[in-house]
Amino acid sequence: MSRRFEHGPLDFKSMSPVIKALVVINAAVFIISLLVGGQFKSLFGLVPYQVVHERWIWQPFTYLFLHGTFFHVLFNLFALWMFGMPVEAQWGPREFLKYFLITGVGAGLVSVAVAPDSHNVIIGASGAVFGLLVAFAMLYPDAVVYLYFFFPIKAKHMAMLFGAIEFFAGASAANPASARVAHLSGMAIGYFYIRWWWVLTLRLKTMFSSPGGTAERGAAPKTRRRPLPVGAPRPDAPAAAPSDDMTEVDRILDKIIAQGESSLTDKEREVLRRQSRKKGGEGSA
């Protein structure tokens, strides 16, 4: 069953707090970089040589908030709004921000690993933005997006097209390969995080949050009988079995692993969201 979503007009007030904060931070850092000059970018941009040999370990994080030109920051913030709004609405602010940082920082670290002696400065949130494109395509594969505002294309096809463009452009000597590596890395990290790590983490949380801490599916939890107060009625029914929700979550996780997250129905997604909120209320990380 395909998922649907609707975007309202581009309105700053309608943005969620986490997306609004990312927009403000990126815009503010862009203005500061214009005022300070090139030294600011060499200090907080991502320079693989400085990360490896001079231990400037903050750069894989700070480079996300730096941009070279007005159109660079404008495009990334527009993409953050376009793909981030529906993704954040499904996952919630905490999971969305974690994913944004994982894809963005991860893309930077891959760039460092690929060319540890490079002195090229890498800047921009494009690695995280490309990760959001993958997340959007996996959540809404059949959603129609107007590429360059004119050409209608399904989200899943757009993600594949952009991935192919970045791959072949990065292989060309006429293009800055370092930035292309960050873009492709953001897409790859996003895909594997959603397809495997997110599913595995949710499965483990589900298993170990079962009553009694049992990790065996279908095993009834052991309960310790407590003495009842004098005069209290004794229960006639046996100890309750694991909730139907837990069984349903296991079935849904199996379906995700076998067929992908895009195969889920709205009802199945609501079951996962309900279970996630329940774990969040119990203080689960």
C-alpha atoms as a PDB file:
ATOM      1  CA  MET A   1       0.000   0.000   0.000  1.00  0.00           C
ATOM      2  CA  SER A   2       1.494   3.349  -1.060  1.00  0.00           C
ATOM      3  CA  ARG A   3       1.852   6.107   1.434  1.00  0.00           C
ATOM      4  CA  ARG A   4       0.595   9.608   0.878  1.00  0.00           C
ATOM      5  CA  PHE A   5       1.605  12.939   2.271  1.00  0.00           C
ATOM      6  CA  GLU A   6       0.832  16.550   1.578  1.00  0.00           C
ATOM      7  CA  HIS A   7       3.169  19.521   1.762  1.00  0.00           C
ATOM      8  CA  GLY A   8       1.787  22.894   2.696  1.00  0.00           C
ATOM      9  CA  PRO A   9       3.270  26.142   1.359  1.00  0.00           C
ATOM     10  CA  LEU A  10       6.876  26.895   2.262  1.00  0.00           C
ATOM     11  CA  ASP A  11       6.278  28.565   5.604  1.00  0.00           C
ATOM     12  CA  PHE A  12       8.864  28.964   8.360  1.00  0.00           C
ATOM     13  CA  LYS A  13       6.185  28.922  11.065  1.00  0.00           C
ATOM     14  CA  SER A  14       4.848  25.549   9.931  1.00  0.00           C
ATOM     15  CA  MET A  15       8.245  23.856  10.242  1.00  0.00           C
ATOM     16  CA  SER A  16       8.848  21.529  13.158  1.00  0.00           C
ATOM     17  CA  PRO A  17      11.186  22.866  15.878  1.00  0.00           C
ATOM     18  CA  VAL A  18      14.103  20.616  14.907  1.00  0.00           C
ATOM     19  CA  ILE A  19      13.972  21.539  11.204  1.00  0.00           C
ATOM     20  CA  LYS A  20      13.481  25.192  12.112  1.00  0.00           C
ATOM     21  CA  ALA A  21      16.578  25.038  14.342  1.00  0.00           C
ATOM     22  CA  LEU A  22      18.658  23.449  11.564  1.00  0.00           C
ATOM     23  CA  VAL A  23      17.543  26.141   9.112  1.00  0.00           C
ATOM     24  CA  VAL A  24      18.412  28.942  11.548  1.00  0.00           C
ATOM     25  CA  ILE A  25      21.818  27.458  12.425  1.00  0.00           C
ATOM     26  CA  ASN A  26      22.796  26.954   8.778  1.00  0.00           C
ATOM     27  CA  ALA A  27      21.659  30.454   7.805  1.00  0.00           C
ATOM     28  CA  ALA A  28      23.434  32.047  10.785  1.00  0.00           C
ATOM     29  CA  VAL A  29      26.708  30.177  10.171  1.00  0.00           C
ATOM     30  CA  PHE A  30      26.582  31.154   6.478  1.00  0.00           C
ATOM     31  CA  ILE A  31      26.302  34.833   7.405  1.00  0.00           C
ATOM     32  CA  ILE A  32      29.123  34.517   9.956  1.00  0.00           C
ATOM     33  CA  SER A  33      31.363  32.832   7.362  1.00  0.00           C
ATOM     34  CA  LEU A  34      30.781  35.733   4.971  1.00  0.00           C
ATOM     35  CA  LEU A  35      31.744  38.230   7.653  1.00  0.00           C
ATOM     36  CA  VAL A  36      34.797  36.353   8.945  1.00  0.00           C
ATOM     37  CA  GLY A  37      36.211  35.193   5.608  1.00  0.00           C
ATOM     38  CA  GLY A  38      38.089  32.164   4.300  1.00  0.00           C
ATOM     39  CA  GLN A  39      39.893  31.377   7.547  1.00  0.00           C
ATOM     40  CA  PHE A  40      36.571  30.433   9.103  1.00  0.00           C
ATOM     41  CA  LYS A  41      35.977  27.729   6.482  1.00  0.00           C
ATOM     42  CA  SER A  42      39.476  26.298   6.784  1.00  0.00           C
ATOM     43  CA  LEU A  43      38.982  26.036  10.543  1.00  0.00           C
ATOM     44  CA  PHE A  44      35.485  24.545  10.642  1.00  0.00           C
ATOM     45  CA  GLY A  45      35.228  22.981   7.182  1.00  0.00           C
ATOM     46  CA  LEU A  46      36.276  19.370   6.689  1.00  0.00           C
ATOM     47  CA  VAL A  47      39.940  19.008   5.692  1.00  0.00           C
ATOM     48  CA  PRO A  48      40.869  15.290   5.824  1.00  0.00           C
ATOM     49  CA  TYR A  49      44.565  16.003   6.383  1.00  0.00           C
ATOM     50  CA  GLN A  50      43.813  18.173   9.416  1.00  0.00           C
ATOM     51  CA  VAL A  51      41.442  15.595  10.894  1.00  0.00           C
ATOM     52  CA  VAL A  52      43.945  12.732  10.543  1.00  0.00           C
ATOM     53  CA  HIS A  53      47.288  14.431  11.172  1.00  0.00           C
ATOM     54  CA  GLU A  54      46.391  17.428  13.325  1.00  0.00           C
ATOM     55  CA  ARG A  55      43.466  15.874  15.242  1.00  0.00           C
ATOM     56  CA  TRP A  56      40.915  18.544  14.343  1.00  0.00           C
ATOM     57  CA  ILE A  57      38.204  16.102  15.289  1.00  0.00           C
ATOM     58  CA  TRP A  58      35.395  18.674  15.352  1.00  0.00           C
ATOM     59  CA  GLN A  59      35.477  19.137  11.582  1.00  0.00           C
ATOM     60  CA  PRO A  60      33.368  16.063  10.586  1.00  0.00           C
ATOM     61  CA  PHE A  61      30.559  17.691  12.559  1.00  0.00           C
ATOM     62  CA  THR A  62      31.014  21.412  11.945  1.00  0.00           C
ATOM     63  CA  TYR A  63      31.430  21.113   8.156  1.00  0.00           C
ATOM     64  CA  LEU A  64      27.709  20.272   7.944  1.00  0.00           C
ATOM     65  CA  PHE A  65      26.747  23.848   8.785  1.00  0.00           C
ATOM     66  CA  LEU A  66      29.082  25.640   6.361  1.00  0.00           C
ATOM     67  CA  HIS A  67      28.202  26.539   2.768  1.00  0.00           C
ATOM     68  CA  GLY A  68      30.131  28.201  -0.023  1.00  0.00           C
ATOM     69  CA  THR A  69      27.536  30.295  -1.832  1.00  0.00           C
ATOM     70  CA  PHE A  70      24.031  31.607  -1.309  1.00  0.00           C
ATOM     71  CA  PHE A  71      22.573  29.096  -3.781  1.00  0.00           C
ATOM     72  CA  HIS A  72      24.444  26.264  -2.059  1.00  0.00           C
ATOM     73  CA  VAL A  73      22.849  26.971   1.303  1.00  0.00           C
ATOM     74  CA  LEU A  74      19.492  27.805  -0.326  1.00  0.00           C
ATOM     75  CA  PHE A  75      19.348  24.476  -2.175  1.00  0.00           C
ATOM     76  CA  ASN A  76      20.298  22.457   0.910  1.00  0.00           C
ATOM     77  CA  LEU A  77      17.778  24.234   3.142  1.00  0.00           C
ATOM     78  CA  PHE A  78      15.063  23.815   0.537  1.00  0.00           C
ATOM     79  CA  ALA A  79      15.849  20.085   0.303  1.00  0.00           C
ATOM     80  CA  LEU A  80      15.897  19.881   4.109  1.00  0.00           C
ATOM     81  CA  TRP A  81      12.386  21.328   4.195  1.00  0.00           C
ATOM     82  CA  MET A  82      11.104  19.285   1.261  1.00  0.00           C
ATOM     83  CA  PHE A  83      12.362  15.858   2.362  1.00  0.00           C
ATOM     84  CA  GLY A  84      12.800  16.519   6.070  1.00  0.00           C
ATOM     85  CA  MET A  85       9.237  17.564   6.882  1.00  0.00           C
ATOM     86  CA  PRO A  86       7.531  14.266   5.943  1.00  0.00           C
ATOM     87  CA  VAL A  87      10.395  12.163   7.347  1.00  0.00           C
ATOM     88  CA  GLU A  88      10.398  14.036  10.667  1.00  0.00           C
ATOM     89  CA  ALA A  89       6.590  13.738  10.835  1.00  0.00           C
ATOM     90  CA  GLN A  90       6.920   9.946  10.647  1.00  0.00           C
ATOM     91  CA  TRP A  91       9.932   9.424  12.899  1.00  0.00           C
ATOM     92  CA  GLY A  92       9.657  12.232  15.421  1.00  0.00           C
ATOM     93  CA  PRO A  93      12.270  14.945  16.159  1.00  0.00           C
ATOM     94  CA  ARG A  94      14.701  12.796  18.136  1.00  0.00           C
ATOM     95  CA  GLU A  95      15.052  10.012  15.565  1.00  0.00           C
ATOM     96  CA  PHE A  96      15.090  12.533  12.720  1.00  0.00           C
ATOM     97  CA  LEU A  97      17.941  14.574  14.235  1.00  0.00           C
ATOM     98  CA  LYS A  98      19.894  11.404  15.006  1.00  0.00           C
ATOM     99  CA  TYR A  99      19.525  10.258  11.406  1.00  0.00           C
ATOM    100  CA  PHE A 100      20.544  13.679  10.064  1.00  0.00           C
ATOM    101  CA  LEU A 101      23.744  13.635  12.131  1.00  0.00           C
ATOM    102  CA  ILE A 102      24.533   9.980  11.412  1.00  0.00           C
ATOM    103  CA  THR A 103      24.337  10.467   7.646  1.00  0.00           C
ATOM    104  CA  GLY A 104      26.064  13.854   7.675  1.00  0.00           C
ATOM    105  CA  VAL A 105      28.900  13.023  10.078  1.00  0.00           C
ATOM    106  CA  GLY A 106      29.205   9.536   8.607  1.00  0.00           C
ATOM    107  CA  ALA A 107      29.607  10.981   5.109  1.00  0.00           C
ATOM    108  CA  GLY A 108      32.371  13.239   6.407  1.00  0.00           C
ATOM    109  CA  LEU A 109      34.204  10.361   8.077  1.00  0.00           C
ATOM    110  CA  VAL A 110      34.036   8.290   4.891  1.00  0.00           C
ATOM    111  CA  SER A 111      35.524  11.228   2.968  1.00  0.00           C
ATOM    112  CA  VAL A 112      38.374  11.356   5.476  1.00  0.00           C
ATOM    113  CA  ALA A 113      38.955   7.608   5.215  1.00  0.00           C
ATOM    114  CA  VAL A 114      38.981   7.679   1.397  1.00  0.00           C
ATOM    115  CA  ALA A 115      41.495  10.544   1.141  1.00  0.00           C
ATOM    116  CA  PRO A 116      43.242  11.021   4.516  1.00  0.00           C
ATOM    117  CA  ASP A 117      45.988  13.229   3.063  1.00  0.00           C
ATOM    118  CA  SER A 118      43.705  15.538   1.108  1.00  0.00           C
ATOM    119  CA  HIS A 119      43.911  19.276   1.768  1.00  0.00           C
ATOM    120  CA  ASN A 120      40.628  20.007  -0.018  1.00  0.00           C
ATOM    121  CA  VAL A 121      37.987  21.707   2.129  1.00  0.00           C
ATOM    122  CA  ILE A 122      34.612  19.961   2.156  1.00  0.00           C
ATOM    123  CA  ILE A 123      31.638  22.013   3.331  1.00  0.00           C
ATOM    124  CA  GLY A 124      27.867  21.711   3.277  1.00  0.00           C
ATOM    125  CA  ALA A 125      25.016  19.586   4.592  1.00  0.00           C
ATOM    126  CA  SER A 126      24.677  17.740   1.287  1.00  0.00           C
ATOM    127  CA  GLY A 127      25.706  14.375   2.761  1.00  0.00           C
ATOM    128  CA  ALA A 128      22.849  14.576   5.273  1.00  0.00           C
ATOM    129  CA  VAL A 129      20.478  15.968   2.621  1.00  0.00           C
ATOM    130  CA  PHE A 130      21.206  13.034   0.308  1.00  0.00           C
ATOM    131  CA  GLY A 131      20.571  10.753   3.274  1.00  0.00           C
ATOM    132  CA  LEU A 132      17.186  12.437   3.729  1.00  0.00           C
ATOM    133  CA  LEU A 133      16.449  11.870   0.058  1.00  0.00           C
ATOM    134  CA  VAL A 134      16.975   8.136   0.591  1.00  0.00           C
ATOM    135  CA  ALA A 135      14.793   8.140   3.712  1.00  0.00           C
ATOM    136  CA  PHE A 136      12.032   9.979   1.856  1.00  0.00           C
ATOM    137  CA  ALA A 137      12.252   7.558  -1.083  1.00  0.00           C
ATOM    138  CA  MET A 138      12.033   4.548   1.251  1.00  0.00           C
ATOM    139  CA  LEU A 139       9.074   5.975   3.165  1.00  0.00           C
ATOM    140  CA  TYR A 140       7.225   7.293   0.114  1.00  0.00           C
ATOM    141  CA  PRO A 141       8.587   5.365  -2.894  1.00  0.00           C
ATOM    142  CA  ASP A 142       5.679   6.240  -5.196  1.00  0.00           C
ATOM    143  CA  ALA A 143       5.390   9.910  -4.231  1.00  0.00           C
ATOM    144  CA  VAL A 144       5.685  12.151  -7.293  1.00  0.00           C
ATOM    145  CA  VAL A 145       8.333  14.861  -7.075  1.00  0.00           C
ATOM    146  CA  TYR A 146       8.801  17.582  -9.690  1.00  0.00           C
ATOM    147  CA  LEU A 147      12.484  17.429 -10.548  1.00  0.00           C
ATOM    148  CA  TYR A 148      13.797  20.960 -11.128  1.00  0.00           C
ATOM    149  CA  PHE A 149      10.158  22.064 -10.673  1.00  0.00           C
ATOM    150  CA  PHE A 150       9.140  20.752 -14.124  1.00  0.00           C
ATOM    151  CA  PHE A 151       9.736  17.006 -14.570  1.00  0.00           C
ATOM    152  CA  PRO A 152       7.505  14.620 -12.575  1.00  0.00           C
ATOM    153  CA  ILE A 153       9.351  11.588 -11.221  1.00  0.00           C
ATOM    154  CA  LYS A 154       8.682   9.048  -8.479  1.00  0.00           C
ATOM    155  CA  ALA A 155      10.754   9.449  -5.319  1.00  0.00           C
ATOM    156  CA  LYS A 156      12.365   6.006  -5.620  1.00  0.00           C
ATOM    157  CA  HIS A 157      13.427   6.721  -9.198  1.00  0.00           C
ATOM    158  CA  MET A 158      14.747  10.153  -8.245  1.00  0.00           C
ATOM    159  CA  ALA A 159      16.928   8.639  -5.512  1.00  0.00           C
ATOM    160  CA  MET A 160      18.360   6.108  -7.970  1.00  0.00           C
ATOM    161  CA  LEU A 161      18.902   8.829 -10.584  1.00  0.00           C
ATOM    162  CA  PHE A 162      20.735  11.120  -8.171  1.00  0.00           C
ATOM    163  CA  GLY A 163      22.826   8.212  -6.923  1.00  0.00           C
ATOM    164  CA  ALA A 164      23.844   7.330 -10.486  1.00  0.00           C
ATOM    165  CA  ILE A 165      24.650  10.961 -11.309  1.00  0.00           C
ATOM    166  CA  GLU A 166      26.850  11.324  -8.237  1.00  0.00           C
ATOM    167  CA  PHE A 167      28.615   8.028  -8.938  1.00  0.00           C
ATOM    168  CA  PHE A 168      29.500   8.810 -12.555  1.00  0.00           C
ATOM    169  CA  ALA A 169      30.261  12.469 -11.820  1.00  0.00           C
ATOM    170  CA  GLY A 170      32.593  11.434  -9.015  1.00  0.00           C
ATOM    171  CA  ALA A 171      34.415   9.086 -11.390  1.00  0.00           C
ATOM    172  CA  SER A 172      35.132  11.992 -13.740  1.00  0.00           C
ATOM    173  CA  ALA A 173      38.372  13.887 -13.235  1.00  0.00           C
ATOM    174  CA  ALA A 174      36.574  17.102 -14.158  1.00  0.00           C
ATOM    175  CA  ASN A 175      34.566  17.073 -10.925  1.00  0.00           C
ATOM    176  CA  PRO A 176      35.578  17.441  -7.261  1.00  0.00           C
ATOM    177  CA  ALA A 177      35.517  13.783  -6.192  1.00  0.00           C
ATOM    178  CA  SER A 178      35.689  14.596  -2.464  1.00  0.00           C
ATOM    179  CA  ALA A 179      32.249  16.225  -2.432  1.00  0.00           C
ATOM    180  CA  ARG A 180      30.799  13.396  -4.543  1.00  0.00           C
ATOM    181  CA  VAL A 181      32.108  10.847  -2.047  1.00  0.00           C
ATOM    182  CA  ALA A 182      30.280  12.695   0.738  1.00  0.00           C
ATOM    183  CA  HIS A 183      27.043  12.696  -1.264  1.00  0.00           C
ATOM    184  CA  LEU A 184      27.217   8.993  -2.112  1.00  0.00           C
ATOM    185  CA  SER A 185      28.281   8.120   1.437  1.00  0.00           C
ATOM    186  CA  GLY A 186      25.271   9.960   2.869  1.00  0.00           C
ATOM    187  CA  MET A 187      22.963   7.956   0.605  1.00  0.00           C
ATOM    188  CA  ALA A 188      24.624   4.622   1.380  1.00  0.00           C
ATOM    189  CA  ILE A 189      24.735   5.207   5.143  1.00  0.00           C
ATOM    190  CA  GLY A 190      21.101   6.287   5.127  1.00  0.00           C
ATOM    191  CA  TYR A 191      20.007   3.203   3.193  1.00  0.00           C
ATOM    192  CA  PHE A 192      21.852   0.706   5.376  1.00  0.00           C
ATOM    193  CA  TYR A 193      20.807   2.480   8.569  1.00  0.00           C
ATOM    194  CA  ILE A 194      17.119   2.264   7.649  1.00  0.00           C
ATOM    195  CA  ARG A 195      17.246  -1.133   5.960  1.00  0.00           C
ATOM    196  CA  TRP A 196      19.270  -2.972   8.590  1.00  0.00           C
ATOM    197  CA  TRP A 197      20.440  -1.059  11.665  1.00  0.00           C
ATOM    198  CA  TRP A 198      17.122   0.623  12.467  1.00  0.00           C
ATOM    199  CA  VAL A 199      15.255  -2.671  12.059  1.00  0.00           C
ATOM    200  CA  LEU A 200      17.816  -4.604  14.107  1.00  0.00           C
ATOM    201  CA  THR A 201      17.780  -2.030  16.919  1.00  0.00           C
ATOM    202  CA  LEU A 202      13.998  -2.009  17.097  1.00  0.00           C
ATOM    203  CA  ARG A 203      13.947  -5.805  17.127  1.00  0.00           C
ATOM    204  CA  LEU A 204      16.444  -5.978  20.005  1.00  0.00           C
ATOM    205  CA  LYS A 205      14.536  -3.340  21.996  1.00  0.00           C
ATOM    206  CA  THR A 206      11.328  -5.272  21.425  1.00  0.00           C
ATOM    207  CA  MET A 207      12.892  -8.548  22.532  1.00  0.00           C
ATOM    208  CA  PHE A 208      14.495  -7.209  25.689  1.00  0.00           C
ATOM    209  CA  SER A 209      11.585  -4.980  26.656  1.00  0.00           C
ATOM    210  CA  SER A 210       9.314  -8.024  26.843  1.00  0.00           C
ATOM    211  CA  PRO A 211       7.898  -8.778  30.315  1.00  0.00           C
ATOM    212  CA  GLY A 212      10.441 -10.636  32.424  1.00  0.00           C
ATOM    213  CA  GLY A 213      13.262  -9.680  30.035  1.00  0.00           C
ATOM    214  CA  THR A 214      12.813 -12.821  27.943  1.00  0.00           C
ATOM    215  CA  ALA A 215      14.475 -12.764  24.551  1.00  0.00           C
ATOM    216  CA  GLU A 216      12.724 -15.851  23.238  1.00  0.00           C
ATOM    217  CA  ARG A 217       9.803 -15.103  20.992  1.00  0.00           C
ATOM    218  CA  GLY A 218       6.563 -16.557  22.270  1.00  0.00           C
ATOM    219  CA  ALA A 219       8.017 -17.564  25.649  1.00  0.00           C
ATOM    220  CA  ALA A 220       5.736 -16.741  28.540  1.00  0.00           C
ATOM    221  CA  PRO A 221       7.339 -14.513  31.195  1.00  0.00           C
ATOM    222  CA  LYS A 222       7.982 -15.981  34.604  1.00  0.00           C
ATOM    223  CA  THR A 223       6.073 -14.152  37.309  1.00  0.00           C
ATOM    224  CA  ARG A 224       6.652 -14.229  41.044  1.00  0.00           C
ATOM    225  CA  ARG A 225       3.537 -14.617  43.138  1.00  0.00           C
ATOM    226  CA  ARG A 226       3.131 -12.033  45.865  1.00  0.00           C
ATOM    227  CA  PRO A 227       1.055 -12.569  48.994  1.00  0.00           C
ATOM    228  CA  LEU A 228      -2.343 -10.904  48.737  1.00  0.00           C
ATOM    229  CA  PRO A 229      -3.718  -8.710  51.523  1.00  0.00           C
ATOM    230  CA  VAL A 230      -6.214 -10.359  53.852  1.00  0.00           C
ATOM    231  CA  GLY A 231      -9.661 -10.328  52.298  1.00  0.00           C
ATOM    232  CA  ALA A 232      -8.446  -9.480  48.808  1.00  0.00           C
ATOM    233  CA  PRO A 233     -10.004 -11.543  46.016  1.00  0.00           C
ATOM    234  CA  ARG A 234      -7.687 -14.049  44.407  1.00  0.00           C
ATOM    235  CA  PRO A 235      -7.367 -13.878  40.610  1.00  0.00           C
ATOM    236  CA  ASP A 236      -9.079 -16.716  38.791  1.00  0.00           C
ATOM    237  CA  ALA A 237      -7.222 -16.217  35.494  1.00  0.00           C
ATOM    238  CA  PRO A 238      -3.633 -17.423  34.940  1.00  0.00           C
ATOM    239  CA  ALA A 239      -0.750 -14.993  34.446  1.00  0.00           C
ATOM    240  CA  ALA A 240      -1.196 -12.889  31.340  1.00  0.00           C
ATOM    241  CA  ALA A 241       0.634 -13.917  28.195  1.00  0.00           C
ATOM    242  CA  PRO A 242       2.764 -11.420  26.266  1.00  0.00           C
ATOM    243  CA  SER A 243       0.663  -8.696  24.719  1.00  0.00           C
ATOM    244  CA  ASP A 244      -0.689  -9.051  21.217  1.00  0.00           C
ATOM    245  CA  ASP A 245       1.180  -5.868  20.341  1.00  0.00           C
ATOM    246  CA  MET A 246       4.550  -7.567  20.885  1.00  0.00           C
ATOM    247  CA  THR A 247       3.616 -10.453  18.597  1.00  0.00           C
ATOM    248  CA  GLU A 248       2.412  -8.003  15.968  1.00  0.00           C
ATOM    249  CA  VAL A 249       5.642  -5.972  16.210  1.00  0.00           C
ATOM    250  CA  ASP A 250       7.690  -9.138  15.658  1.00  0.00           C
ATOM    251  CA  ARG A 251       5.612  -9.975  12.587  1.00  0.00           C
ATOM    252  CA  ILE A 252       6.035  -6.448  11.212  1.00  0.00           C
ATOM    253  CA  LEU A 253       9.811  -6.518  11.749  1.00  0.00           C
ATOM    254  CA  ASP A 254      10.017  -9.813   9.886  1.00  0.00           C
ATOM    255  CA  LYS A 255       8.092  -8.212   7.038  1.00  0.00           C
ATOM    256  CA  ILE A 256      10.471  -5.221   6.950  1.00  0.00           C
ATOM    257  CA  ILE A 257      13.512  -7.482   6.740  1.00  0.00           C
ATOM    258  CA  ALA A 258      11.930  -9.626   4.001  1.00  0.00           C
ATOM    259  CA  GLN A 259      10.227  -6.967   1.876  1.00  0.00           C
ATOM    260  CA  GLY A 260      11.546  -3.573   3.002  1.00  0.00           C
ATOM    261  CA  GLU A 261       9.929  -0.779   5.011  1.00  0.00           C
ATOM    262  CA  SER A 262       7.981   0.499   2.017  1.00  0.00           C
ATOM    263  CA  SER A 263       5.838  -2.666   2.090  1.00  0.00           C
ATOM    264  CA  LEU A 264       4.198  -1.707   5.399  1.00  0.00           C
ATOM    265  CA  THR A 265       0.610  -0.558   5.602  1.00  0.00           C
ATOM    266  CA  ASP A 266      -0.458   2.526   7.554  1.00  0.00           C
ATOM    267  CA  LYS A 267      -1.900   0.270  10.266  1.00  0.00           C
ATOM    268  CA  GLU A 268       1.406  -1.574  10.667  1.00  0.00           C
ATOM    269  CA  ARG A 269       3.326   1.698  10.863  1.00  0.00           C
ATOM    270  CA  GLU A 270       0.963   2.911  13.564  1.00  0.00           C
ATOM    271  CA  VAL A 271       1.694  -0.251  15.593  1.00  0.00           C
ATOM    272  CA  LEU A 272       5.450   0.500  15.382  1.00  0.00           C
ATOM    273  CA  ARG A 273       4.920   4.141  16.350  1.00  0.00           C
ATOM    274  CA  ARG A 274       2.764   3.110  19.313  1.00  0.00           C
ATOM    275  CA  GLN A 275       5.407   0.642  20.485  1.00  0.00           C
ATOM    276  CA  SER A 276       8.137   3.266  20.025  1.00  0.00           C
ATOM    277  CA  ARG A 277       6.198   5.797  22.125  1.00  0.00           C
ATOM    278  CA  LYS A 278       5.687   3.173  24.813  1.00  0.00           C
ATOM    279  CA  LYS A 279       9.426   2.462  24.976  1.00  0.00           C
ATOM    280  CA  GLY A 280      10.132   6.183  25.058  1.00  0.00           C
ATOM    281  CA  GLY A 281       7.859   6.560  28.065  1.00  0.00           C
ATOM    282  CA  GLU A 282       9.812   3.828  29.842  1.00  0.00           C
ATOM    283  CA  GLY A 283      13.081   5.755  29.371  1.00  0.00           C
ATOM    284  CA  SER A 284      14.461   3.541  26.610  1.00  0.00           C
ATOM    285  CA  ALA A 285      17.460   4.969  24.756  1.00  0.00           C
END
